[in-house]
Protein backbone atom coordinates (compact mmCIF):
# COMPACT_ATOMS: atom_id res chain seq x y z
CA UNK A 1 8.69 -9.61 9.96
CA UNK A 2 10.60 -9.98 13.17
CA UNK A 3 9.19 -8.45 16.32
CA UNK A 4 10.95 -5.11 16.84
CA UNK A 5 9.23 -4.41 20.13
CA UNK A 6 11.56 -6.43 22.34
CA UNK A 7 14.04 -3.55 22.57
CA UNK A 8 14.04 -1.26 25.58
CA UNK A 9 14.51 1.92 23.52
CA UNK A 10 13.19 3.01 20.17
CA UNK A 11 13.44 6.20 18.24
CA UNK A 12 10.11 7.13 16.68
CA UNK A 13 10.47 9.61 13.84
CA UNK A 14 7.23 11.13 12.57
CA UNK A 15 7.35 11.00 8.77
CA UNK A 16 3.90 12.23 7.79
CA UNK A 17 0.54 13.16 9.22
CA UNK A 18 -2.53 11.97 7.36
CA UNK A 19 -6.23 12.45 7.75
CA UNK A 20 -6.59 9.11 9.54
CA UNK A 21 -3.33 8.97 11.48
CA UNK A 22 0.43 9.33 11.57
CA UNK A 23 3.21 7.56 9.70
CA UNK A 24 6.35 7.01 11.80
CA UNK A 25 9.68 5.35 11.18
CA UNK A 26 11.12 3.06 13.83
CA UNK A 27 14.43 1.39 13.03
CA UNK A 28 13.90 -0.23 9.62
CA UNK A 29 10.11 -0.30 9.80
CA UNK A 30 7.23 1.99 9.09
CA UNK A 31 4.39 2.25 11.59
CA UNK A 32 0.98 3.71 11.03
CA UNK A 33 -0.73 4.96 14.16
CA UNK A 34 -4.42 5.55 13.59
CA UNK A 35 -6.31 8.42 15.14
CA UNK A 36 -9.24 7.71 17.43
CA UNK A 37 -12.18 6.06 15.60
CA UNK A 38 -9.97 5.24 12.59
CA UNK A 39 -8.56 1.80 11.87
CA UNK A 40 -7.36 -0.35 8.99
CA UNK A 41 -9.85 -2.15 6.75
CA UNK A 42 -9.37 -5.52 8.49
CA UNK A 43 -11.35 -7.67 6.06
CA UNK A 44 -9.64 -6.17 3.01
CA UNK A 45 -6.21 -6.46 4.65
CA UNK A 46 -6.86 -10.19 5.21
CA UNK A 47 -7.97 -10.65 1.59
CA UNK A 48 -4.84 -8.88 0.28
CA UNK A 49 -2.65 -11.12 2.43
CA UNK A 50 -4.45 -14.15 0.98
CA UNK A 51 -4.09 -12.95 -2.63
CA UNK A 52 -0.47 -11.77 -2.32
CA UNK A 53 1.19 -13.41 0.72
CA UNK A 54 4.70 -12.29 -0.30
CA UNK A 55 3.66 -8.65 -0.80
CA UNK A 56 4.90 -8.68 -4.38
CA UNK A 57 2.06 -6.41 -5.61
CA UNK A 58 0.37 -5.04 -2.49
CA UNK A 59 1.58 -3.99 0.92
CA UNK A 60 -0.84 -5.24 3.51
CA UNK A 61 -0.43 -4.36 7.15
CA UNK A 62 0.98 -6.49 9.89
CA UNK A 63 -1.55 -5.74 12.60
CA UNK A 64 -0.04 -5.03 16.00
CA UNK A 65 -3.20 -3.62 17.57
CA UNK A 66 -6.40 -2.35 15.93
CA UNK A 67 -4.91 1.16 15.78
CA UNK A 68 -1.25 0.30 15.23
CA UNK A 69 0.14 -1.41 12.10
CA UNK A 70 3.60 -2.23 10.81
CA UNK A 71 5.06 -2.43 7.30
CA UNK A 72 8.41 -2.49 5.56
CA UNK A 73 9.97 0.77 4.35
CA UNK A 74 9.41 1.75 0.73
CA UNK A 75 10.75 4.38 -1.63
CA UNK A 76 8.61 7.19 -3.01
CA UNK A 77 7.68 6.84 -6.67
CA UNK A 78 8.96 10.17 -7.95
CA UNK A 79 7.61 10.11 -11.49
CA UNK A 80 4.74 7.72 -12.27
CA UNK A 81 5.02 8.61 -15.97
CA UNK A 82 8.63 7.36 -16.08
CA UNK A 83 8.29 3.73 -15.02
CA UNK A 84 10.43 1.16 -16.79
CA UNK A 85 8.53 -1.25 -18.98
CA UNK A 86 9.08 -3.97 -16.36
CA UNK A 87 7.77 -1.70 -13.56
CA UNK A 88 4.74 -0.67 -15.60
CA UNK A 89 3.80 -4.27 -16.42
CA UNK A 90 4.29 -5.26 -12.79
CA UNK A 91 1.94 -2.50 -11.62
CA UNK A 92 -0.50 -3.32 -14.41
CA UNK A 93 -0.63 -6.95 -13.24
CA UNK A 94 -1.19 -5.80 -9.64
CA UNK A 95 -4.17 -3.69 -10.70
CA UNK A 96 -5.42 -6.63 -12.79
CA UNK A 97 -5.35 -8.80 -9.64
CA UNK A 98 -7.46 -6.23 -7.81
CA UNK A 99 -10.02 -6.20 -10.62
CA UNK A 100 -10.08 -10.00 -10.77
CA UNK A 101 -10.92 -10.14 -7.06
CA UNK A 102 -13.39 -7.23 -7.33
CA UNK A 103 -11.34 -4.93 -5.10
CA UNK A 104 -11.16 -1.18 -5.62
CA UNK A 105 -8.46 0.96 -4.10
CA UNK A 106 -10.10 4.37 -4.40
CA UNK A 107 -6.91 6.46 -4.27
CA UNK A 108 -4.52 4.63 -6.54
CA UNK A 109 -2.40 7.44 -8.02
CA UNK A 110 -1.09 8.55 -4.63
CA UNK A 111 -0.52 5.13 -3.13
CA UNK A 112 2.05 3.41 -5.32
CA UNK A 113 5.59 3.17 -4.00
CA UNK A 114 8.75 1.29 -4.92
CA UNK A 115 9.82 -1.86 -3.06
CA UNK A 116 13.42 -1.32 -1.93
CA UNK A 117 14.35 -4.99 -2.53
CA UNK A 118 12.92 -5.45 -6.03
CA UNK A 119 12.74 -1.88 -7.37
CA UNK A 120 9.19 -2.69 -8.50
CA UNK A 121 6.03 -0.73 -7.71
CA UNK A 122 3.68 -1.91 -4.97
CA UNK A 123 0.24 -0.61 -4.11
CA UNK A 124 -0.20 0.58 -0.51
CA UNK A 125 -2.82 2.05 1.83
CA UNK A 126 -6.07 0.22 1.17
CA UNK A 127 -7.85 1.83 4.11
CA UNK A 128 -10.51 3.32 1.81
CA UNK A 129 -10.64 0.37 -0.57
CA UNK A 130 -13.70 -1.78 -1.14
CA UNK A 131 -14.28 -5.51 -1.34
CA UNK A 132 -17.02 -6.53 -3.80
CA UNK A 133 -16.52 -3.17 -5.49
CA UNK A 134 -19.04 -1.83 -7.96
CA UNK A 135 -18.22 -1.68 -11.68
CA UNK A 136 -18.04 2.10 -11.31
CA UNK A 137 -15.44 1.90 -8.51
CA UNK A 138 -13.36 -0.56 -10.53
CA UNK A 139 -13.61 1.70 -13.59
CA UNK A 140 -12.39 4.67 -11.54
CA UNK A 141 -9.29 2.70 -10.54
CA UNK A 142 -8.75 1.54 -14.14
CA UNK A 143 -8.93 5.11 -15.45
CA UNK A 144 -6.64 6.32 -12.65
CA UNK A 145 -4.06 3.69 -13.63
CA UNK A 146 -4.23 4.56 -17.33
CA UNK A 147 -4.13 8.31 -16.66
CA UNK A 148 -1.36 8.49 -14.05
CA UNK A 149 1.08 5.70 -14.93
CA UNK A 150 3.12 4.98 -18.04
CA UNK A 151 6.59 3.82 -18.92
CA UNK A 152 9.40 5.79 -20.52
CA UNK A 153 9.83 4.81 -24.13
């Protein structure tokens, strides 16, 4: 991503407030500003970047500071039960990658969005995810995927 911070003026638009911080839109980017004592899961973010450097399946953060991260804008997934077959298989492969690397997400149903460039689902917000996840944590994500996502037939 290009550095958007060279400009003299920016318009920050608060999009959402979460338990751990704020989501803001600046130009064509999304920023997450963490509240005090909250921060991204640095080690997991690095692992996701290693596994998926092009962000085809996961959106990892571009770290600006420990409490300030940047990502590309995405579209809300309005109906997770109405994915196309291609979208469903894409998301299924993304979850398979997580399982293969022993990574749990922990809040999968509410953290899948659509990439504006590909119209395919991507998994976001791994702040509460776990590396070297237990079988139970991986099973929770598997059940969440099977329960919340399907394709229109």
